[in-house]
C-alpha cells in the first residue's frame, strides 16, 4: 500500500492573547519529508503509532508535513494557509503514480483567524485533492470539538480513549488497521455524530479516576465491542475554544449500518447528558491547598496549577501560587515552570551562584497573577532538553531553549524558568535541571490532568489548586460569544 501521512495539530484557546504564528510551530514541531518518519519511529504518539504500524505492514509511506504548536490563541491566517497549502500540495503530489490512502494526525480543536473549524476545512481540502475514492483515516485528540465538516470528509475518525492520553500510539495503530480493512473491502464505514450541548472542564474529563468521563468512556468501549461497530469516539471537547461547535460529542462508526450508528450515538449522548451535573469540579483555593500540606511527608505533595496550564493555552507565566508559597514560607518546594524569557536573560547576566533582582512572570496578560519582584540566586543555567520517560509521549524529546533555576525566598523555593511555554508532563523536566523531584516536599506543576500519569507514582497526594488563568475549570467566568446556545453549564435552561 502507498499511503500519504502528515498532519497539523493545534489546540486553540480563543481567549488567549498569544498569537500562534509560524514560529510557534517551529519552536515545537515542524517536520517535513523523511525527517517526519525518522522522528516518529518508536515514539509513543499518534504519528509514531501510524509509522510503526505501517512499517510492520511494509506499507510505503509518503511523508508530507507534520506541524504542532503549544496550545495558544488563534492561528494566524497566513500561517494556517501556508501549512495547509504545503500539506495538501504534498498529498496531491503523492497521487502520482497512485495513492491508496491518507493518514492524518490532527488535534480537532484548531481555530484560525479566519476559520472557526480549521480542522474541518483542512480535511475538506484534502478530500478535494484526493477525490471521493481515496480513503482518509484521521486520529484526533479527545479534546477535539467534533464538527459535521470533519465527519463528512473522513472515512475513519478516531479519538483518544484516555486522559491522560496514554493510548495515542494505539490509536495510530488502529487507524492503520481500519484503513487496511477499508482498502480490503472488509468494512464500509457509516457515521452518526451527536453534539451534546455540554461544556466540560478539563479536570472532570479524566478517565483514570472516579469521574463521569471514566464511566461514559467505559460505556462507549463496551458498545464498541459489539458486532458491526467499527469505532466509537467520545470526545469531551475543548471548552476554551469559543466557537459554535465546541463541546462534548459522540461519533459512532458502523459497518454500513446507519440505523445502528444512530441508535448507539443517541444512547451514548443521552447517557452523557444525564451525567452533566457530575462534571462540576471542587478545587481548593491556594491558601487552603497549602494548608493541606502535612508538616512531614515521605513523598512529595503535588500541587496542580490547573488554571495556568500551557497545554490548554495558559500563559505559563502565572505567579499566583508562587506568591503564596513565598508569603507563607513553605519549605522544600519546587515549581515548574514559569515561562519568562526576560527573566532567563536576566539570570544569564547575573550568573550561576550569584544573587540578583528579578521581575518574575506575569508578563503575558493580567489573568494569571501579577509580576513578582524577587531577590533570587541563580542555581542553574543551560539549554533545557530531555527525553520523556513517563507513560505519556514516551521517547519524545522536549526542547525548551535557554532556561534557569532560581532559588527564591527563605526557606528557598526552586523555580524553573524557561524561554518556551510547556505543560509539565514528566518528572524528567525537574531532573534535567538538577532537581530530584522525589526529594522535594512540594512539587508545583502547571498542568490540568496529563501530569498524573508520571507524577502519581511518586506523589503522596495530589491537590488540584483553584488559581486564576485561561484553563480554569470555572467555565462561567469566560466571556463566550460564539458558542451555540443554550449549552450547559452556561445556561440554566440547558440544565
Protein backbone atom coordinates (compact mmCIF):
# COMPACT_ATOMS: atom_id res chain seq x y z
CA UNK A 1 0.00 0.00 0.00
CA UNK A 2 1.14 3.51 -0.80
CA UNK A 3 -0.20 5.99 1.77
CA UNK A 4 0.43 9.70 2.38
CA UNK A 5 0.98 10.74 6.00
CA UNK A 6 1.06 14.10 7.76
CA UNK A 7 -0.89 16.50 9.90
CA UNK A 8 -1.27 19.87 11.59
CA UNK A 9 -2.03 19.91 15.30
CA UNK A 10 -3.08 22.85 17.43
CA UNK A 11 -5.43 23.19 20.39
CA UNK A 12 -6.66 26.78 20.22
CA UNK A 13 -7.67 28.72 23.30
CA UNK A 14 -9.55 31.58 21.69
CA UNK A 15 -9.43 33.57 24.95
CA UNK A 16 -5.62 33.69 24.82
CA UNK A 17 -3.77 36.80 23.70
CA UNK A 18 -0.81 34.70 22.47
CA UNK A 19 -1.00 34.75 18.68
CA UNK A 20 0.00 31.48 17.04
CA UNK A 21 2.30 32.16 14.11
CA UNK A 22 4.77 30.05 12.17
CA UNK A 23 7.46 30.50 14.83
CA UNK A 24 5.22 28.70 17.36
CA UNK A 25 5.23 25.59 15.16
CA UNK A 26 8.96 25.92 14.51
CA UNK A 27 9.61 26.05 18.25
CA UNK A 28 7.72 22.84 18.95
CA UNK A 29 7.44 20.53 15.93
CA UNK A 30 7.78 21.20 12.22
CA UNK A 31 8.84 18.10 10.30
CA UNK A 32 9.00 17.51 6.58
CA UNK A 33 9.68 14.53 4.37
CA UNK A 34 11.85 11.72 5.67
CA UNK A 35 12.58 13.61 8.92
CA UNK A 36 8.92 13.15 9.83
CA UNK A 37 9.24 9.37 9.58
CA UNK A 38 12.62 9.17 11.31
CA UNK A 39 11.48 11.44 14.13
CA UNK A 40 8.36 9.38 14.80
CA UNK A 41 9.65 5.81 14.90
CA UNK A 42 9.24 4.30 18.34
CA UNK A 43 7.66 7.46 19.78
CA UNK A 44 4.51 6.99 21.82
CA UNK A 45 2.16 9.35 19.98
CA UNK A 46 -0.39 9.06 17.20
CA UNK A 47 2.08 9.74 14.40
CA UNK A 48 4.54 7.28 15.92
CA UNK A 49 1.86 4.60 16.11
CA UNK A 50 0.97 5.15 12.47
CA UNK A 51 4.59 4.99 11.34
CA UNK A 52 5.37 1.86 13.36
CA UNK A 53 2.20 0.05 12.25
CA UNK A 54 2.76 0.94 8.60
CA UNK A 55 6.37 -0.23 8.84
CA UNK A 56 5.24 -3.58 10.25
CA UNK A 57 2.90 -3.97 7.27
CA UNK A 58 5.64 -2.87 4.87
CA UNK A 59 3.47 -0.10 3.54
CA UNK A 60 5.10 2.64 1.53
CA UNK A 61 4.60 5.89 3.44
CA UNK A 62 4.77 9.20 1.55
CA UNK A 63 5.68 11.80 4.19
CA UNK A 64 4.37 15.31 3.67
CA UNK A 65 4.31 17.73 6.61
CA UNK A 66 3.67 17.45 10.33
CA UNK A 67 3.37 20.63 12.38
CA UNK A 68 2.44 21.06 16.03
CA UNK A 69 2.43 24.12 18.29
CA UNK A 70 1.87 24.52 22.03
CA UNK A 71 -1.77 25.48 22.71
CA UNK A 72 -2.28 29.23 22.45
CA UNK A 73 -4.51 31.78 20.72
CA UNK A 74 -5.86 31.73 17.20
CA UNK A 75 -3.56 30.59 14.41
CA UNK A 76 -2.56 33.42 12.12
CA UNK A 77 -4.46 33.27 8.85
CA UNK A 78 -1.26 33.29 6.80
CA UNK A 79 0.31 30.60 8.99
CA UNK A 80 -2.66 28.29 8.59
CA UNK A 81 -2.77 28.86 4.85
CA UNK A 82 0.96 28.23 4.42
CA UNK A 83 0.90 24.99 6.41
CA UNK A 84 -2.38 23.76 4.93
CA UNK A 85 -1.24 24.52 1.39
CA UNK A 86 2.04 22.67 1.93
CA UNK A 87 0.27 19.64 3.42
CA UNK A 88 -2.36 19.46 0.69
CA UNK A 89 0.24 20.02 -2.04
CA UNK A 90 2.29 17.14 -0.66
CA UNK A 91 -0.74 14.87 -0.66
CA UNK A 92 -1.68 15.96 -4.18
CA UNK A 93 1.82 15.20 -5.41
CA UNK A 94 1.61 11.75 -3.81
CA UNK A 95 -1.35 10.97 -6.08
CA UNK A 96 1.18 10.27 -8.83
CA UNK A 97 1.51 7.47 -9.79
CA UNK A 98 -1.14 6.31 -7.33
CA UNK A 99 -2.25 6.78 -3.75
CA UNK A 100 -4.12 4.13 -1.78
CA UNK A 101 -4.96 6.23 1.29
CA UNK A 102 -4.21 9.20 3.53
CA UNK A 103 -3.25 9.15 7.22
CA UNK A 104 -3.55 12.35 9.24
CA UNK A 105 -2.69 13.17 12.85
CA UNK A 106 -4.73 16.25 13.82
CA UNK A 107 -5.95 17.73 17.07
CA UNK A 108 -9.53 18.67 16.29
CA UNK A 109 -9.69 21.97 18.19
CA UNK A 110 -7.74 24.26 15.87
CA UNK A 111 -9.12 27.74 15.20
CA UNK A 112 -7.52 30.20 12.83
CA UNK A 113 -8.15 33.93 12.48
CA UNK A 114 -10.41 33.17 9.52
CA UNK A 115 -11.77 29.69 10.35
CA UNK A 116 -13.61 28.51 13.45
CA UNK A 117 -13.33 24.92 12.22
CA UNK A 118 -9.80 24.85 10.83
CA UNK A 119 -9.53 21.05 11.12
CA UNK A 120 -12.75 20.57 9.18
CA UNK A 121 -11.57 22.95 6.48
CA UNK A 122 -8.23 21.16 6.27
CA UNK A 123 -10.00 17.82 5.81
CA UNK A 124 -12.28 19.37 3.18
CA UNK A 125 -9.24 20.49 1.20
CA UNK A 126 -7.57 17.09 1.50
CA UNK A 127 -10.76 15.40 0.32
CA UNK A 128 -10.96 17.75 -2.64
CA UNK A 129 -7.34 16.95 -3.51
CA UNK A 130 -7.67 13.15 -3.43
CA UNK A 131 -11.27 12.78 -4.61
CA UNK A 132 -14.03 10.57 -3.23
CA UNK A 133 -12.34 7.20 -3.73
CA UNK A 134 -9.12 7.59 -1.74
CA UNK A 135 -9.89 6.84 1.91
CA UNK A 136 -8.80 9.25 4.66
CA UNK A 137 -8.06 7.99 8.18
CA UNK A 138 -7.62 10.54 10.95
CA UNK A 139 -6.58 10.39 14.60
CA UNK A 140 -7.71 13.30 16.77
CA UNK A 141 -7.37 14.32 20.40
CA UNK A 142 -10.08 13.51 22.93
CA UNK A 143 -10.38 17.29 23.42
CA UNK A 144 -11.39 17.74 19.80
CA UNK A 145 -14.51 19.77 19.08
CA UNK A 146 -16.07 17.37 16.57
CA UNK A 147 -17.89 19.02 13.67
CA UNK A 148 -20.04 17.82 10.78
CA UNK A 149 -17.39 19.06 8.33
CA UNK A 150 -14.74 16.83 9.90
CA UNK A 151 -17.02 13.80 9.82
CA UNK A 152 -18.14 14.42 6.23
CA UNK A 153 -14.57 14.40 4.93
CA UNK A 154 -13.00 11.49 6.83
CA UNK A 155 -13.68 7.79 6.32
CA UNK A 156 -12.09 6.86 9.66
CA UNK A 157 -12.04 9.34 12.57
CA UNK A 158 -10.59 8.08 15.85
CA UNK A 159 -10.24 9.98 19.12
CA UNK A 160 -8.09 9.03 22.09
CA UNK A 161 -9.87 6.94 24.72
CA UNK A 162 -7.77 8.07 27.67
CA UNK A 163 -7.00 11.29 29.54
CA UNK A 164 -4.11 11.45 30.42
CA UNK A 165 -3.50 10.44 26.81
CA UNK A 166 -1.83 7.06 27.21
CA UNK A 167 -3.30 5.42 24.10
CA UNK A 168 -2.12 7.80 21.39
CA UNK A 169 0.15 5.26 19.70
CA UNK A 170 -2.61 2.64 19.97
CA UNK A 171 -4.99 4.92 18.08
CA UNK A 172 -2.32 5.35 15.41
CA UNK A 173 -2.09 1.56 15.10
CA UNK A 174 -5.88 1.31 14.98
CA UNK A 175 -6.06 3.89 12.20
CA UNK A 176 -3.73 1.74 10.10
CA UNK A 177 -5.72 -1.40 10.87
CA UNK A 178 -9.07 0.16 9.95
CA UNK A 179 -7.66 1.78 6.82
CA UNK A 180 -6.36 -1.64 5.82
CA UNK A 181 -9.81 -3.18 6.39
CA UNK A 182 -11.39 -0.44 4.32
CA UNK A 183 -8.95 -0.90 1.47
CA UNK A 184 -9.54 -4.66 1.53
CA UNK A 185 -13.30 -4.16 1.37
CA UNK A 186 -13.90 -5.66 4.81
CA UNK A 187 -15.71 -2.55 6.10
CA UNK A 188 -17.77 0.27 4.65
CA UNK A 189 -17.80 2.99 7.32
CA UNK A 190 -21.03 4.83 8.12
CA UNK A 191 -21.07 7.65 10.71
CA UNK A 192 -23.50 9.12 13.22
CA UNK A 193 -22.46 12.33 15.02
CA UNK A 194 -24.19 13.75 18.09
CA UNK A 195 -23.09 17.08 19.53
CA UNK A 196 -24.28 17.14 23.14
CA UNK A 197 -24.98 20.69 24.45
CA UNK A 198 -22.38 20.42 27.21
CA UNK A 199 -19.10 22.10 28.05
CA UNK A 200 -16.94 20.07 30.43
CA UNK A 201 -13.95 21.39 32.43
CA UNK A 202 -10.68 19.56 31.90
CA UNK A 203 -10.17 18.04 35.39
CA UNK A 204 -13.56 16.33 35.13
CA UNK A 205 -12.60 14.81 31.77
CA UNK A 206 -10.14 12.42 33.43
CA UNK A 207 -10.59 8.78 32.54
CA UNK A 208 -8.19 7.43 35.18
CA UNK A 209 -10.16 8.34 38.29
CA UNK A 210 -13.65 8.44 39.78
CA UNK A 211 -15.10 10.77 37.17
CA UNK A 212 -18.18 10.70 34.95
CA UNK A 213 -15.92 10.61 31.90
CA UNK A 214 -14.40 7.32 33.03
CA UNK A 215 -17.85 5.75 33.29
CA UNK A 216 -19.04 7.16 29.98
CA UNK A 217 -15.89 6.03 28.20
CA UNK A 218 -16.41 2.53 29.58
CA UNK A 219 -19.92 2.57 28.13
CA UNK A 220 -18.57 3.67 24.76
CA UNK A 221 -15.88 0.98 24.75
CA UNK A 222 -18.38 -1.71 25.76
CA UNK A 223 -20.66 -0.73 22.87
CA UNK A 224 -17.68 -0.53 20.51
CA UNK A 225 -17.08 -4.24 21.09
CA UNK A 226 -20.46 -5.15 19.58
CA UNK A 227 -20.67 -6.76 16.13
CA UNK A 228 -20.98 -4.29 13.30
CA UNK A 229 -19.24 -1.44 15.15
CA UNK A 230 -16.10 -0.07 13.51
CA UNK A 231 -15.24 2.58 16.13
CA UNK A 232 -16.75 4.90 18.71
CA UNK A 233 -15.18 8.22 19.57
CA UNK A 234 -16.34 10.03 22.70
CA UNK A 235 -14.72 13.46 22.54
CA UNK A 236 -15.08 15.51 25.72
CA UNK A 237 -14.25 18.64 23.71
CA UNK A 238 -12.11 21.70 24.37
CA UNK A 239 -14.17 24.25 26.29
CA UNK A 240 -11.76 27.16 25.78
CA UNK A 241 -12.46 27.44 22.05
CA UNK A 242 -15.31 29.90 21.75
CA UNK A 243 -16.78 28.52 18.54
CA UNK A 244 -20.19 27.23 17.65
CA UNK A 245 -19.24 23.56 17.69
CA UNK A 246 -17.31 23.46 20.97
CA UNK A 247 -18.36 20.83 23.46
CA UNK A 248 -18.79 17.14 24.10
CA UNK A 249 -19.63 14.98 21.09
CA UNK A 250 -20.14 11.34 20.17
CA UNK A 251 -19.21 9.75 16.85
CA UNK A 252 -20.30 6.19 16.14
CA UNK A 253 -18.94 4.47 13.03
CA UNK A 254 -20.51 1.21 11.89
CA UNK A 255 -20.01 -1.18 9.03
CA UNK A 256 -22.67 0.02 6.59
CA UNK A 257 -25.42 0.21 9.24
CA UNK A 258 -26.81 3.71 9.62
CA UNK A 259 -29.62 2.61 11.91
CA UNK A 260 -27.20 1.01 14.37
CA UNK A 261 -24.93 4.05 14.25
CA UNK A 262 -27.85 6.36 15.02
CA UNK A 263 -29.16 4.21 17.85
CA UNK A 264 -25.83 3.90 19.66
CA UNK A 265 -24.96 7.56 19.15
CA UNK A 266 -28.28 8.51 20.70
CA UNK A 267 -27.74 6.10 23.59
CA UNK A 268 -24.31 7.48 24.48
CA UNK A 269 -25.39 11.10 24.01
CA UNK A 270 -28.35 10.54 26.35
CA UNK A 271 -26.06 8.97 28.95
CA UNK A 272 -23.69 11.95 28.74
CA UNK A 273 -26.49 14.44 29.19
CA UNK A 274 -27.79 12.54 32.21
CA UNK A 275 -24.37 12.89 33.90
CA UNK A 276 -23.85 16.58 33.12
CA UNK A 277 -24.08 17.75 36.74
CA UNK A 278 -21.35 15.29 37.70
CA UNK A 279 -18.84 17.26 35.62
CA UNK A 280 -18.62 20.03 38.20
CA UNK A 281 -15.29 20.48 39.97
CA UNK A 282 -14.46 21.24 43.60
CA UNK A 283 -10.92 22.57 43.85
CA UNK A 284 -9.09 24.02 46.86
CA UNK A 285 -8.18 27.70 46.98
CA UNK A 286 -4.46 28.45 47.04
CA UNK A 287 -4.35 29.11 50.82
CA UNK A 288 -6.44 26.01 51.55
CA UNK A 289 -4.24 23.90 49.29
CA UNK A 290 -1.11 24.99 51.12
CA UNK A 291 -2.80 24.43 54.47
CA UNK A 292 -3.47 20.83 53.41
CA UNK A 293 0.25 20.09 53.05
CA UNK A 294 1.39 17.97 56.02
CA UNK A 295 4.38 19.05 58.09
CA UNK A 296 6.20 15.84 57.24
CA UNK A 297 5.83 13.52 54.29
CA UNK A 298 7.97 10.74 52.88
CA UNK A 299 6.90 11.58 49.33
CA UNK A 300 6.15 14.88 47.57
CA UNK A 301 2.81 16.62 47.69
CA UNK A 302 1.99 17.63 44.11
CA UNK A 303 0.04 20.86 43.62
CA UNK A 304 -1.54 21.10 40.17
CA UNK A 305 -1.87 24.64 38.83
CA UNK A 306 -4.77 23.62 36.61
CA UNK A 307 -5.75 27.16 35.60
CA UNK A 308 -2.38 28.17 34.15
CA UNK A 309 -1.83 25.08 32.04
CA UNK A 310 0.17 25.89 28.88
CA UNK A 311 -1.18 22.61 27.49
CA UNK A 312 -4.60 24.27 27.36
CA UNK A 313 -3.49 27.74 26.31
CA UNK A 314 -2.47 29.21 29.67
CA UNK A 315 0.30 31.79 29.61
CA UNK A 316 2.60 29.59 31.69
CA UNK A 317 3.96 32.66 33.49
CA UNK A 318 1.35 32.79 36.25
CA UNK A 319 2.66 33.67 39.70
CA UNK A 320 -0.38 33.27 41.96
CA UNK A 321 0.70 30.02 43.65
CA UNK A 322 4.34 31.07 43.88
CA UNK A 323 3.36 34.32 45.60
CA UNK A 324 1.54 32.45 48.38
CA UNK A 325 4.35 29.86 48.71
CA UNK A 326 6.72 32.76 49.42
CA UNK A 327 4.30 34.61 51.71
CA UNK A 328 3.70 31.52 53.82
CA UNK A 329 7.36 30.44 53.83
CA UNK A 330 6.62 26.95 52.56
CA UNK A 331 9.73 24.80 52.83
CA UNK A 332 11.02 22.24 50.34
CA UNK A 333 9.05 23.44 47.30
CA UNK A 334 9.95 23.33 43.61
CA UNK A 335 7.80 24.88 40.87
CA UNK A 336 7.80 24.22 37.12
CA UNK A 337 7.58 26.15 35.00
CA UNK A 338 7.35 29.91 34.67
CA UNK A 339 7.83 30.80 31.02
CA UNK A 340 9.65 34.14 31.08
CA UNK A 341 12.32 34.87 28.51
CA UNK A 342 13.25 38.20 30.09
CA UNK A 343 13.98 36.54 33.42
CA UNK A 344 16.15 33.91 31.71
CA UNK A 345 18.15 36.70 30.06
CA UNK A 346 18.48 38.44 33.42
CA UNK A 347 19.63 35.18 35.05
CA UNK A 348 22.31 34.82 32.39
CA UNK A 349 23.52 38.35 33.21
CA UNK A 350 23.58 37.62 36.95
CA UNK A 351 25.39 34.29 36.51
CA UNK A 352 25.33 30.96 38.31
CA UNK A 353 25.73 31.20 42.08
CA UNK A 354 25.04 34.92 42.22
CA UNK A 355 22.16 36.90 43.69
CA UNK A 356 20.06 39.25 41.61
CA UNK A 357 16.76 41.09 41.46
CA UNK A 358 14.18 39.69 39.07
CA UNK A 359 10.78 40.78 37.82
CA UNK A 360 9.35 37.29 37.51
CA UNK A 361 6.32 36.19 35.50
CA UNK A 362 3.01 37.92 34.88
CA UNK A 363 4.14 39.48 31.61
CA UNK A 364 1.75 37.88 29.10
CA UNK A 365 -1.55 39.13 30.49
CA UNK A 366 -3.28 40.14 33.72
CA UNK A 367 -5.12 36.85 34.09
CA UNK A 368 -2.56 34.57 35.78
CA UNK A 369 -1.08 36.67 38.57
CA UNK A 370 0.99 39.85 38.70
CA UNK A 371 4.75 40.04 38.15
CA UNK A 372 6.75 39.33 41.31
CA UNK A 373 9.77 41.43 42.21
CA UNK A 374 12.06 38.97 43.96
CA UNK A 375 15.63 38.51 45.10
CA UNK A 376 16.96 35.19 43.90
CA UNK A 377 20.11 33.18 43.46
CA UNK A 378 20.80 31.59 40.08
CA UNK A 379 21.19 27.87 40.75
CA UNK A 380 21.29 26.53 37.17
CA UNK A 381 21.58 27.86 33.61
CA UNK A 382 21.55 25.98 30.34
CA UNK A 383 19.67 24.73 27.32
CA UNK A 384 16.87 22.63 28.76
CA UNK A 385 16.08 19.45 26.86
CA UNK A 386 15.07 15.98 27.98
CA UNK A 387 13.54 12.73 26.81
CA UNK A 388 10.16 11.69 28.19
CA UNK A 389 10.49 8.50 30.23
CA UNK A 390 6.97 8.55 31.66
CA UNK A 391 3.93 6.85 30.12
CA UNK A 392 2.90 9.93 28.09
CA UNK A 393 4.84 10.53 24.91
CA UNK A 394 7.49 8.00 25.86
CA UNK A 395 10.61 8.57 23.80
CA UNK A 396 9.64 12.07 22.68
CA UNK A 397 12.19 14.85 23.09
CA UNK A 398 11.26 18.22 24.66
CA UNK A 399 13.44 21.24 23.94
CA UNK A 400 12.64 24.38 25.94
CA UNK A 401 15.62 26.51 25.00
CA UNK A 402 17.73 28.61 27.34
CA UNK A 403 16.40 28.18 30.88
CA UNK A 404 17.28 28.84 34.50
CA UNK A 405 16.58 27.66 38.03
CA UNK A 406 16.20 30.37 40.67
CA UNK A 407 16.39 29.97 44.45
CA UNK A 408 13.88 32.42 45.88
CA UNK A 409 12.73 33.16 49.42
CA UNK A 410 13.55 31.83 52.87
CA UNK A 411 13.13 28.90 53.02
CA UNK A 412 14.14 28.55 49.39
CA UNK A 413 11.58 27.80 46.66
CA UNK A 414 13.17 26.40 43.50
CA UNK A 415 11.61 27.90 40.36
CA UNK A 416 12.29 26.55 36.85
CA UNK A 417 12.15 29.46 34.40
CA UNK A 418 12.08 28.73 30.67
CA UNK A 419 12.10 30.50 27.35
CA UNK A 420 9.22 28.45 25.99
CA UNK A 421 5.86 27.56 27.50
CA UNK A 422 5.27 23.92 28.30
CA UNK A 423 2.88 21.75 30.23
CA UNK A 424 4.73 19.74 32.86
CA UNK A 425 4.13 16.10 31.94
CA UNK A 426 7.22 14.32 33.13
CA UNK A 427 9.47 14.46 36.23
CA UNK A 428 12.40 14.33 33.81
CA UNK A 429 11.95 18.09 33.39
CA UNK A 430 12.99 18.59 37.03
CA UNK A 431 15.84 16.11 36.76
CA UNK A 432 17.18 17.81 33.64
CA UNK A 433 17.87 20.97 35.68
CA UNK A 434 19.37 19.15 38.66
CA UNK A 435 16.28 18.93 40.87
CA UNK A 436 15.47 15.48 42.24
CA UNK A 437 11.65 15.51 42.39
CA UNK A 438 11.43 12.68 44.93
CA UNK A 439 13.46 14.76 47.40
CA UNK A 440 11.10 17.73 47.36
CA UNK A 441 8.37 18.20 49.95
CA UNK A 442 6.16 20.07 47.46
CA UNK A 443 6.10 19.99 43.66
CA UNK A 444 4.03 22.59 41.82
CA UNK A 445 3.27 21.71 38.20
CA UNK A 446 1.36 23.65 35.58
CA UNK A 447 -0.98 21.01 34.17
CA UNK A 448 -4.63 20.03 34.34
CA UNK A 449 -4.54 16.24 34.10
CA UNK A 450 -1.66 14.93 32.00
CA UNK A 451 0.87 15.25 34.82
CA UNK A 452 -0.92 12.49 36.74
CA UNK A 453 0.39 9.71 34.52
CA UNK A 454 4.02 10.23 35.57
CA UNK A 455 3.67 12.09 38.89
CA UNK A 456 1.08 9.95 40.69
CA UNK A 457 3.56 7.09 41.28
CA UNK A 458 5.91 9.40 43.18
CA UNK A 459 3.31 11.59 44.95
CA UNK A 460 1.98 11.16 48.48
CA UNK A 461 -1.02 13.26 47.45
CA UNK A 462 -2.18 15.35 44.50
CA UNK A 463 -4.06 18.58 45.15
CA UNK A 464 -5.79 20.46 42.32
CA UNK A 465 -5.50 24.17 43.06
CA UNK A 466 -8.11 26.77 42.16
CA UNK A 467 -5.93 29.56 40.87
CA UNK A 468 -6.53 32.16 38.14
CA UNK A 469 -6.00 31.55 34.44
CA UNK A 470 -7.20 30.65 30.97
CA UNK A 471 -7.61 26.95 31.73
CA UNK A 472 -9.70 27.46 34.86
CA UNK A 473 -12.45 24.86 35.32
CA UNK A 474 -14.83 27.71 36.23
CA UNK A 475 -16.34 27.99 32.77
CA UNK A 476 -18.92 30.54 33.91
CA UNK A 477 -16.10 33.08 34.20
CA UNK A 478 -15.33 33.06 30.46
CA UNK A 479 -16.89 35.64 28.08
CA UNK A 480 -18.36 33.26 25.48
CA UNK A 481 -19.79 34.99 22.40
CA UNK A 482 -19.87 32.45 19.57
CA UNK A 483 -20.74 29.09 21.10
CA UNK A 484 -24.16 27.64 20.31
CA UNK A 485 -26.79 28.34 22.96
CA UNK A 486 -28.31 27.10 25.13
CA UNK A 487 -25.48 24.97 26.47
CA UNK A 488 -24.72 23.57 29.89
CA UNK A 489 -23.44 24.95 32.27
CA UNK A 490 -23.65 28.45 30.77
CA UNK A 491 -27.42 28.46 30.53
CA UNK A 492 -29.78 27.47 33.30
CA UNK A 493 -32.33 26.49 30.63
CA UNK A 494 -29.90 23.86 29.33
CA UNK A 495 -29.66 22.03 32.63
